Amino acid sequence: MSLEQEPADERRAQILSAALAARAGTDAGFAAALDAWHQQARQAVPNTGAGSVSTTISGGSQGIVVTTRDVNGGLRIGPSASAPPPPEQSGS
């Protein structure tokens, strides 16, 4: 079974990593190609490393509050173009 069939298998990933490192250590052309592939992969895949998001809100009404991490794609805050207008609020 390959790592592609079981991508969460850490042991297989370590075996593949060791095999790639060994091959790169003995084949300069392979090492250069592996390095080029690695650079492309780093640019194509967003950083999803360890990290956290923390929000503290105090002091009454805050309106819209958004806390996020690692957003892929668009993010729109507010009514959409097709949303009906909000109801009018009376001052009395």
PDB file of N, CA and C in Angstrom:
ATOM      1  N   MET A   1       0.836  -1.182   0.000  1.00  0.00           N
ATOM      2  CA  MET A   1       0.000   0.000   0.000  1.00  0.00           C
ATOM      3  C   MET A   1       0.881   1.246   0.000  1.00  0.00           C
ATOM      4  N   SER A   2       0.519   2.231  -0.765  1.00  0.00           N
ATOM      5  CA  SER A   2       1.300   3.459  -0.843  1.00  0.00           C
ATOM      6  C   SER A   2       0.755   4.507   0.126  1.00  0.00           C
ATOM      7  N   LEU A   3       1.552   5.550   0.351  1.00  0.00           N
ATOM      8  CA  LEU A   3       1.118   6.649   1.202  1.00  0.00           C
ATOM      9  C   LEU A   3      -0.110   7.329   0.602  1.00  0.00           C
ATOM     10  N   GLU A   4      -0.208   7.338  -0.722  1.00  0.00           N
ATOM     11  CA  GLU A   4      -1.356   7.959  -1.384  1.00  0.00           C
ATOM     12  C   GLU A   4      -2.664   7.280  -0.970  1.00  0.00           C
ATOM     13  N   GLN A   5      -2.618   5.978  -0.748  1.00  0.00           N
ATOM     14  CA  GLN A   5      -3.817   5.245  -0.347  1.00  0.00           C
ATOM     15  C   GLN A   5      -4.143   5.465   1.127  1.00  0.00           C
ATOM     16  N   GLU A   6      -3.146   5.750   1.946  1.00  0.00           N
ATOM     17  CA  GLU A   6      -3.324   5.985   3.378  1.00  0.00           C
ATOM     18  C   GLU A   6      -2.565   7.241   3.779  1.00  0.00           C
ATOM     19  N   PRO A   7      -3.016   8.442   3.363  1.00  0.00           N
ATOM     20  CA  PRO A   7      -2.244   9.665   3.589  1.00  0.00           C
ATOM     21  C   PRO A   7      -2.040  10.029   5.061  1.00  0.00           C
ATOM     22  N   ALA A   8      -2.848   9.508   5.955  1.00  0.00           N
ATOM     23  CA  ALA A   8      -2.689   9.829   7.375  1.00  0.00           C
ATOM     24  C   ALA A   8      -1.744   8.870   8.091  1.00  0.00           C
ATOM     25  N   ASP A   9      -1.204   7.901   7.371  1.00  0.00           N
ATOM     26  CA  ASP A   9      -0.317   6.903   7.973  1.00  0.00           C
ATOM     27  C   ASP A   9       1.069   7.510   8.186  1.00  0.00           C
ATOM     28  N   GLU A  10       1.359   7.912   9.408  1.00  0.00           N
ATOM     29  CA  GLU A  10       2.613   8.589   9.720  1.00  0.00           C
ATOM     30  C   GLU A  10       3.832   7.704   9.466  1.00  0.00           C
ATOM     31  N   ARG A  11       3.711   6.421   9.741  1.00  0.00           N
ATOM     32  CA  ARG A  11       4.835   5.503   9.529  1.00  0.00           C
ATOM     33  C   ARG A  11       5.199   5.434   8.053  1.00  0.00           C
ATOM     34  N   ARG A  12       4.208   5.348   7.196  1.00  0.00           N
ATOM     35  CA  ARG A  12       4.478   5.326   5.754  1.00  0.00           C
ATOM     36  C   ARG A  12       5.096   6.642   5.287  1.00  0.00           C
ATOM     37  N   ALA A  13       4.625   7.749   5.836  1.00  0.00           N
ATOM     38  CA  ALA A  13       5.186   9.051   5.467  1.00  0.00           C
ATOM     39  C   ALA A  13       6.659   9.124   5.866  1.00  0.00           C
ATOM     40  N   GLN A  14       6.990   8.605   7.032  1.00  0.00           N
ATOM     41  CA  GLN A  14       8.388   8.607   7.478  1.00  0.00           C
ATOM     42  C   GLN A  14       9.252   7.716   6.587  1.00  0.00           C
ATOM     43  N   ILE A  15       8.730   6.581   6.182  1.00  0.00           N
ATOM     44  CA  ILE A  15       9.467   5.679   5.289  1.00  0.00           C
ATOM     45  C   ILE A  15       9.707   6.359   3.946  1.00  0.00           C
ATOM     46  N   LEU A  16       8.674   7.002   3.406  1.00  0.00           N
ATOM     47  CA  LEU A  16       8.811   7.709   2.133  1.00  0.00           C
ATOM     48  C   LEU A  16       9.822   8.844   2.263  1.00  0.00           C
ATOM     49  N   SER A  17       9.745   9.594   3.345  1.00  0.00           N
ATOM     50  CA  SER A  17      10.680  10.697   3.574  1.00  0.00           C
ATOM     51  C   SER A  17      12.118  10.196   3.617  1.00  0.00           C
ATOM     52  N   ALA A  18      12.350   9.100   4.317  1.00  0.00           N
ATOM     53  CA  ALA A  18      13.697   8.530   4.411  1.00  0.00           C
ATOM     54  C   ALA A  18      14.186   8.060   3.047  1.00  0.00           C
ATOM     55  N   ALA A  19      13.291   7.448   2.273  1.00  0.00           N
ATOM     56  CA  ALA A  19      13.670   6.975   0.944  1.00  0.00           C
ATOM     57  C   ALA A  19      14.017   8.137   0.018  1.00  0.00           C
ATOM     58  N   LEU A  20      13.241   9.199   0.064  1.00  0.00           N
ATOM     59  CA  LEU A  20      13.524  10.367  -0.768  1.00  0.00           C
ATOM     60  C   LEU A  20      14.843  11.023  -0.359  1.00  0.00           C
ATOM     61  N   ALA A  21      15.078  11.126   0.944  1.00  0.00           N
ATOM     62  CA  ALA A  21      16.335  11.717   1.427  1.00  0.00           C
ATOM     63  C   ALA A  21      17.535  10.872   1.018  1.00  0.00           C
ATOM     64  N   ALA A  22      17.396   9.559   1.105  1.00  0.00           N
ATOM     65  CA  ALA A  22      18.497   8.664   0.715  1.00  0.00           C
ATOM     66  C   ALA A  22      18.796   8.806  -0.772  1.00  0.00           C
ATOM     67  N   ARG A  23      17.762   8.824  -1.582  1.00  0.00           N
ATOM     68  CA  ARG A  23      17.955   8.969  -3.034  1.00  0.00           C
ATOM     69  C   ARG A  23      18.575  10.324  -3.364  1.00  0.00           C
ATOM     70  N   ALA A  24      18.097  11.388  -2.704  1.00  0.00           N
ATOM     71  CA  ALA A  24      18.640  12.726  -2.936  1.00  0.00           C
ATOM     72  C   ALA A  24      20.103  12.806  -2.514  1.00  0.00           C
ATOM     73  N   GLY A  25      20.478  12.023  -1.501  1.00  0.00           N
ATOM     74  CA  GLY A  25      21.852  12.009  -1.030  1.00  0.00           C
ATOM     75  C   GLY A  25      22.824  11.359  -1.998  1.00  0.00           C
ATOM     76  N   THR A  26      22.304  10.547  -2.891  1.00  0.00           N
ATOM     77  CA  THR A  26      23.178   9.841  -3.837  1.00  0.00           C
ATOM     78  C   THR A  26      23.013  10.280  -5.284  1.00  0.00           C
ATOM     79  N   ASP A  27      22.015  11.133  -5.546  1.00  0.00           N
ATOM     80  CA  ASP A  27      21.714  11.536  -6.922  1.00  0.00           C
ATOM     81  C   ASP A  27      21.452  13.044  -6.948  1.00  0.00           C
ATOM     82  N   ALA A  28      22.441  13.809  -7.407  1.00  0.00           N
ATOM     83  CA  ALA A  28      22.331  15.275  -7.402  1.00  0.00           C
ATOM     84  C   ALA A  28      21.173  15.768  -8.270  1.00  0.00           C
ATOM     85  N   GLY A  29      20.922  15.114  -9.397  1.00  0.00           N
ATOM     86  CA  GLY A  29      19.812  15.506 -10.270  1.00  0.00           C
ATOM     87  C   GLY A  29      18.475  15.295  -9.574  1.00  0.00           C
ATOM     88  N   PHE A  30      18.350  14.167  -8.892  1.00  0.00           N
ATOM     89  CA  PHE A  30      17.126  13.889  -8.144  1.00  0.00           C
ATOM     90  C   PHE A  30      16.961  14.897  -7.013  1.00  0.00           C
ATOM     91  N   ALA A  31      18.059  15.216  -6.329  1.00  0.00           N
ATOM     92  CA  ALA A  31      18.012  16.185  -5.234  1.00  0.00           C
ATOM     93  C   ALA A  31      17.537  17.541  -5.735  1.00  0.00           C
ATOM     94  N   ALA A  32      18.035  17.973  -6.893  1.00  0.00           N
ATOM     95  CA  ALA A  32      17.619  19.265  -7.448  1.00  0.00           C
ATOM     96  C   ALA A  32      16.142  19.239  -7.833  1.00  0.00           C
ATOM     97  N   ALA A  33      15.697  18.153  -8.445  1.00  0.00           N
ATOM     98  CA  ALA A  33      14.290  18.034  -8.834  1.00  0.00           C
ATOM     99  C   ALA A  33      13.391  17.978  -7.601  1.00  0.00           C
ATOM    100  N   LEU A  34      13.819  17.273  -6.570  1.00  0.00           N
ATOM    101  CA  LEU A  34      13.041  17.182  -5.337  1.00  0.00           C
ATOM    102  C   LEU A  34      12.941  18.551  -4.669  1.00  0.00           C
ATOM    103  N   ASP A  35      14.046  19.284  -4.666  1.00  0.00           N
ATOM    104  CA  ASP A  35      14.035  20.621  -4.083  1.00  0.00           C
ATOM    105  C   ASP A  35      13.104  21.552  -4.858  1.00  0.00           C
ATOM    106  N   ALA A  36      13.136  21.482  -6.180  1.00  0.00           N
ATOM    107  CA  ALA A  36      12.253  22.310  -7.011  1.00  0.00           C
ATOM    108  C   ALA A  36      10.791  21.957  -6.737  1.00  0.00           C
ATOM    109  N   TRP A  37      10.495  20.662  -6.643  1.00  0.00           N
ATOM    110  CA  TRP A  37       9.131  20.227  -6.336  1.00  0.00           C
ATOM    111  C   TRP A  37       8.709  20.743  -4.960  1.00  0.00           C
ATOM    112  N   HIS A  38       9.607  20.671  -4.007  1.00  0.00           N
ATOM    113  CA  HIS A  38       9.297  21.121  -2.650  1.00  0.00           C
ATOM    114  C   HIS A  38       8.978  22.614  -2.636  1.00  0.00           C
ATOM    115  N   GLN A  39       9.743  23.410  -3.377  1.00  0.00           N
ATOM    116  CA  GLN A  39       9.480  24.851  -3.441  1.00  0.00           C
ATOM    117  C   GLN A  39       8.111  25.127  -4.070  1.00  0.00           C
ATOM    118  N   GLN A  40       7.772  24.403  -5.124  1.00  0.00           N
ATOM    119  CA  GLN A  40       6.452  24.561  -5.759  1.00  0.00           C
ATOM    120  C   GLN A  40       5.346  24.184  -4.787  1.00  0.00           C
ATOM    121  N   ALA A  41       5.531  23.098  -4.072  1.00  0.00           N
ATOM    122  CA  ALA A  41       4.506  22.627  -3.134  1.00  0.00           C
ATOM    123  C   ALA A  41       4.302  23.635  -2.014  1.00  0.00           C
ATOM    124  N   ARG A  42       5.367  24.237  -1.531  1.00  0.00           N
ATOM    125  CA  ARG A  42       5.257  25.222  -0.451  1.00  0.00           C
ATOM    126  C   ARG A  42       4.474  26.452  -0.915  1.00  0.00           C
ATOM    127  N   GLN A  43       4.598  26.812  -2.174  1.00  0.00           N
ATOM    128  CA  GLN A  43       3.867  27.968  -2.696  1.00  0.00           C
ATOM    129  C   GLN A  43       2.405  27.617  -2.966  1.00  0.00           C
ATOM    130  N   ALA A  44       2.145  26.382  -3.342  1.00  0.00           N
ATOM    131  CA  ALA A  44       0.790  25.977  -3.714  1.00  0.00           C
ATOM    132  C   ALA A  44      -0.081  25.627  -2.516  1.00  0.00           C
ATOM    133  N   VAL A  45       0.521  25.186  -1.439  1.00  0.00           N
ATOM    134  CA  VAL A  45      -0.233  24.744  -0.270  1.00  0.00           C
ATOM    135  C   VAL A  45      -0.093  25.782   0.828  1.00  0.00           C
ATOM    136  N   PRO A  46      -1.211  26.300   1.321  1.00  0.00           N
ATOM    137  CA  PRO A  46      -1.115  27.310   2.375  1.00  0.00           C
ATOM    138  C   PRO A  46      -0.527  26.733   3.650  1.00  0.00           C
ATOM    139  N   ASN A  47       0.069  27.606   4.431  1.00  0.00           N
ATOM    140  CA  ASN A  47       0.633  27.194   5.705  1.00  0.00           C
ATOM    141  C   ASN A  47      -0.496  26.832   6.654  1.00  0.00           C
ATOM    142  N   THR A  48      -0.559  25.587   7.032  1.00  0.00           N
ATOM    143  CA  THR A  48      -1.581  25.148   7.969  1.00  0.00           C
ATOM    144  C   THR A  48      -0.923  24.584   9.213  1.00  0.00           C
ATOM    145  N   GLY A  49       0.226  25.138   9.533  1.00  0.00           N
ATOM    146  CA  GLY A  49       0.950  24.680  10.704  1.00  0.00           C
ATOM    147  C   GLY A  49       0.228  25.003  11.987  1.00  0.00           C
ATOM    148  N   ALA A  50       0.862  24.646  13.075  1.00  0.00           N
ATOM    149  CA  ALA A  50       0.281  24.868  14.388  1.00  0.00           C
ATOM    150  C   ALA A  50       0.043  26.353  14.605  1.00  0.00           C
ATOM    151  N   GLY A  51      -0.971  26.655  15.291  1.00  0.00           N
ATOM    152  CA  GLY A  51      -1.292  28.038  15.605  1.00  0.00           C
ATOM    153  C   GLY A  51      -2.645  28.098  16.272  1.00  0.00           C
ATOM    154  N   SER A  52      -2.947  29.240  16.812  1.00  0.00           N
ATOM    155  CA  SER A  52      -4.234  29.367  17.467  1.00  0.00           C
ATOM    156  C   SER A  52      -4.803  30.751  17.208  1.00  0.00           C
ATOM    157  N   VAL A  53      -6.067  30.864  17.461  1.00  0.00           N
ATOM    158  CA  VAL A  53      -6.768  32.130  17.333  1.00  0.00           C
ATOM    159  C   VAL A  53      -7.484  32.354  18.658  1.00  0.00           C
ATOM    160  N   SER A  54      -7.376  33.549  19.178  1.00  0.00           N
ATOM    161  CA  SER A  54      -8.019  33.872  20.448  1.00  0.00           C
ATOM    162  C   SER A  54      -8.670  35.243  20.333  1.00  0.00           C
ATOM    163  N   THR A  55      -9.889  35.358  20.834  1.00  0.00           N
ATOM    164  CA  THR A  55     -10.605  36.618  20.798  1.00  0.00           C
ATOM    165  C   THR A  55     -11.180  36.895  22.182  1.00  0.00           C
ATOM    166  N   THR A  56     -10.983  38.103  22.651  1.00  0.00           N
ATOM    167  CA  THR A  56     -11.582  38.539  23.902  1.00  0.00           C
ATOM    168  C   THR A  56     -12.403  39.782  23.609  1.00  0.00           C
ATOM    169  N   ILE A  57     -13.671  39.753  23.988  1.00  0.00           N
ATOM    170  CA  ILE A  57     -14.565  40.876  23.744  1.00  0.00           C
ATOM    171  C   ILE A  57     -15.132  41.307  25.086  1.00  0.00           C
ATOM    172  N   SER A  58     -15.068  42.604  25.347  1.00  0.00           N
ATOM    173  CA  SER A  58     -15.650  43.110  26.595  1.00  0.00           C
ATOM    174  C   SER A  58     -16.201  44.512  26.358  1.00  0.00           C
ATOM    175  N   GLY A  59     -17.069  44.960  27.238  1.00  0.00           N
ATOM    176  CA  GLY A  59     -17.547  46.328  27.175  1.00  0.00           C
ATOM    177  C   GLY A  59     -18.802  46.556  26.379  1.00  0.00           C
ATOM    178  N   GLY A  60     -19.734  45.645  26.389  1.00  0.00           N
ATOM    179  CA  GLY A  60     -21.010  45.897  25.728  1.00  0.00           C
ATOM    180  C   GLY A  60     -21.080  45.353  24.318  1.00  0.00           C
ATOM    181  N   SER A  61     -22.041  45.885  23.555  1.00  0.00           N
ATOM    182  CA  SER A  61     -22.304  45.408  22.205  1.00  0.00           C
ATOM    183  C   SER A  61     -21.140  45.722  21.269  1.00  0.00           C
ATOM    184  N   GLN A  62     -20.713  44.735  20.526  1.00  0.00           N
ATOM    185  CA  GLN A  62     -19.578  44.894  19.622  1.00  0.00           C
ATOM    186  C   GLN A  62     -19.988  44.864  18.153  1.00  0.00           C
ATOM    187  N   GLY A  63     -21.205  44.555  17.850  1.00  0.00           N
ATOM    188  CA  GLY A  63     -21.593  44.425  16.450  1.00  0.00           C
ATOM    189  C   GLY A  63     -21.069  43.112  15.891  1.00  0.00           C
ATOM    190  N   ILE A  64     -20.618  43.133  14.658  1.00  0.00           N
ATOM    191  CA  ILE A  64     -20.107  41.927  14.013  1.00  0.00           C
ATOM    192  C   ILE A  64     -18.683  41.677  14.479  1.00  0.00           C
ATOM    193  N   VAL A  65     -18.423  40.466  14.913  1.00  0.00           N
ATOM    194  CA  VAL A  65     -17.081  40.049  15.320  1.00  0.00           C
ATOM    195  C   VAL A  65     -16.779  38.742  14.609  1.00  0.00           C
ATOM    196  N   VAL A  66     -15.637  38.683  13.950  1.00  0.00           N
ATOM    197  CA  VAL A  66     -15.233  37.469  13.251  1.00  0.00           C
ATOM    198  C   VAL A  66     -13.841  37.087  13.719  1.00  0.00           C
ATOM    199  N   THR A  67     -13.685  35.839  14.112  1.00  0.00           N
ATOM    200  CA  THR A  67     -12.376  35.296  14.446  1.00  0.00           C
ATOM    201  C   THR A  67     -12.162  34.117  13.526  1.00  0.00           C
ATOM    202  N   THR A  68     -11.036  34.099  12.829  1.00  0.00           N
ATOM    203  CA  THR A  68     -10.794  33.027  11.874  1.00  0.00           C
ATOM    204  C   THR A  68      -9.312  32.753  11.735  1.00  0.00           C
ATOM    205  N   ARG A  69      -8.993  31.662  11.110  1.00  0.00           N
ATOM    206  CA  ARG A  69      -7.626  31.278  10.785  1.00  0.00           C
ATOM    207  C   ARG A  69      -7.677  30.423   9.528  1.00  0.00           C
ATOM    208  N   ASP A  70      -6.697  30.577   8.679  1.00  0.00           N
ATOM    209  CA  ASP A  70      -6.567  29.754   7.466  1.00  0.00           C
ATOM    210  C   ASP A  70      -7.822  29.770   6.602  1.00  0.00           C
ATOM    211  N   VAL A  71      -8.202  30.932   6.126  1.00  0.00           N
ATOM    212  CA  VAL A  71      -9.346  31.057   5.229  1.00  0.00           C
ATOM    213  C   VAL A  71      -8.878  30.788   3.809  1.00  0.00           C
ATOM    214  N   ASN A  72      -9.539  29.889   3.130  1.00  0.00           N
ATOM    215  CA  ASN A  72      -9.241  29.588   1.731  1.00  0.00           C
ATOM    216  C   ASN A  72     -10.444  30.009   0.910  1.00  0.00           C
ATOM    217  N   GLY A  73     -10.266  30.985   0.040  1.00  0.00           N
ATOM    218  CA  GLY A  73     -11.385  31.483  -0.755  1.00  0.00           C
ATOM    219  C   GLY A  73     -11.842  32.826  -0.232  1.00  0.00           C
ATOM    220  N   GLY A  74     -12.984  33.237  -0.661  1.00  0.00           N
ATOM    221  CA  GLY A  74     -13.485  34.551  -0.299  1.00  0.00           C
ATOM    222  C   GLY A  74     -14.107  34.590   1.084  1.00  0.00           C
ATOM    223  N   LEU A  75     -14.153  35.784   1.623  1.00  0.00           N
ATOM    224  CA  LEU A  75     -14.805  36.016   2.903  1.00  0.00           C
ATOM    225  C   LEU A  75     -15.521  37.348   2.797  1.00  0.00           C
ATOM    226  N   ARG A  76     -16.820  37.331   2.961  1.00  0.00           N
ATOM    227  CA  ARG A  76     -17.601  38.566   2.839  1.00  0.00           C
ATOM    228  C   ARG A  76     -18.341  38.792   4.142  1.00  0.00           C
ATOM    229  N   ILE A  77     -18.206  39.974   4.678  1.00  0.00           N
ATOM    230  CA  ILE A  77     -18.897  40.340   5.900  1.00  0.00           C
ATOM    231  C   ILE A  77     -19.953  41.378   5.527  1.00  0.00           C
ATOM    232  N   GLY A  78     -21.178  41.127   5.888  1.00  0.00           N
ATOM    233  CA  GLY A  78     -22.251  42.060   5.580  1.00  0.00           C
ATOM    234  C   GLY A  78     -23.308  41.394   4.736  1.00  0.00           C
ATOM    235  N   PRO A  79     -24.361  42.151   4.418  1.00  0.00           N
ATOM    236  CA  PRO A  79     -25.453  41.567   3.634  1.00  0.00           C
ATOM    237  C   PRO A  79     -25.023  41.289   2.194  1.00  0.00           C
ATOM    238  N   SER A  80     -25.606  40.273   1.630  1.00  0.00           N
ATOM    239  CA  SER A  80     -25.319  39.977   0.229  1.00  0.00           C
ATOM    240  C   SER A  80     -26.144  40.904  -0.642  1.00  0.00           C
ATOM    241  N   ALA A  81     -25.805  40.971  -1.906  1.00  0.00           N
ATOM    242  CA  ALA A  81     -26.517  41.850  -2.838  1.00  0.00           C
ATOM    243  C   ALA A  81     -27.994  41.466  -2.944  1.00  0.00           C
ATOM    244  N   SER A  82     -28.320  40.199  -2.709  1.00  0.00           N
ATOM    245  CA  SER A  82     -29.707  39.746  -2.837  1.00  0.00           C
ATOM    246  C   SER A  82     -30.455  39.771  -1.507  1.00  0.00           C
ATOM    247  N   ALA A  83     -29.790  40.167  -0.416  1.00  0.00           N
ATOM    248  CA  ALA A  83     -30.465  40.195   0.884  1.00  0.00           C
ATOM    249  C   ALA A  83     -31.400  41.388   0.967  1.00  0.00           C
ATOM    250  N   PRO A  84     -32.535  41.212   1.612  1.00  0.00           N
ATOM    251  CA  PRO A  84     -33.457  42.348   1.771  1.00  0.00           C
ATOM    252  C   PRO A  84     -32.831  43.376   2.719  1.00  0.00           C
ATOM    253  N   PRO A  85     -33.214  44.632   2.580  1.00  0.00           N
ATOM    254  CA  PRO A  85     -32.652  45.654   3.473  1.00  0.00           C
ATOM    255  C   PRO A  85     -33.106  45.392   4.913  1.00  0.00           C
ATOM    256  N   PRO A  86     -32.285  45.806   5.892  1.00  0.00           N
ATOM    257  CA  PRO A  86     -32.684  45.600   7.282  1.00  0.00           C
ATOM    258  C   PRO A  86     -33.882  46.477   7.626  1.00  0.00           C
ATOM    259  N   PRO A  87     -34.717  46.063   8.582  1.00  0.00           N
ATOM    260  CA  PRO A  87     -35.875  46.869   8.951  1.00  0.00           C
ATOM    261  C   PRO A  87     -35.415  48.181   9.597  1.00  0.00           C
ATOM    262  N   GLU A  88     -36.195  49.246   9.370  1.00  0.00           N
ATOM    263  CA  GLU A  88     -35.848  50.539   9.938  1.00  0.00           C
ATOM    264  C   GLU A  88     -36.121  50.500  11.430  1.00  0.00           C
ATOM    265  N   GLN A  89     -35.242  51.157  12.172  1.00  0.00           N
ATOM    266  CA  GLN A  89     -35.436  51.222  13.620  1.00  0.00           C
ATOM    267  C   GLN A  89     -35.966  52.584  13.990  1.00  0.00           C
ATOM    268  N   SER A  90     -36.990  52.616  14.831  1.00  0.00           N
ATOM    269  CA  SER A  90     -37.550  53.903  15.234  1.00  0.00           C
ATOM    270  C   SER A  90     -36.799  54.418  16.451  1.00  0.00           C
ATOM    271  N   GLY A  91     -36.669  55.712  16.561  1.00  0.00           N
ATOM    272  CA  GLY A  91     -35.954  56.338  17.665  1.00  0.00           C
ATOM    273  C   GLY A  91     -36.822  56.522  18.890  1.00  0.00           C
ATOM    274  N   SER A  92     -38.107  56.181  18.852  1.00  0.00           N
ATOM    275  CA  SER A  92     -38.977  56.407  19.993  1.00  0.00           C
ATOM    276  C   SER A  92     -39.153  55.186  20.846  1.00  0.00           C
TER     277      SER A  92
END
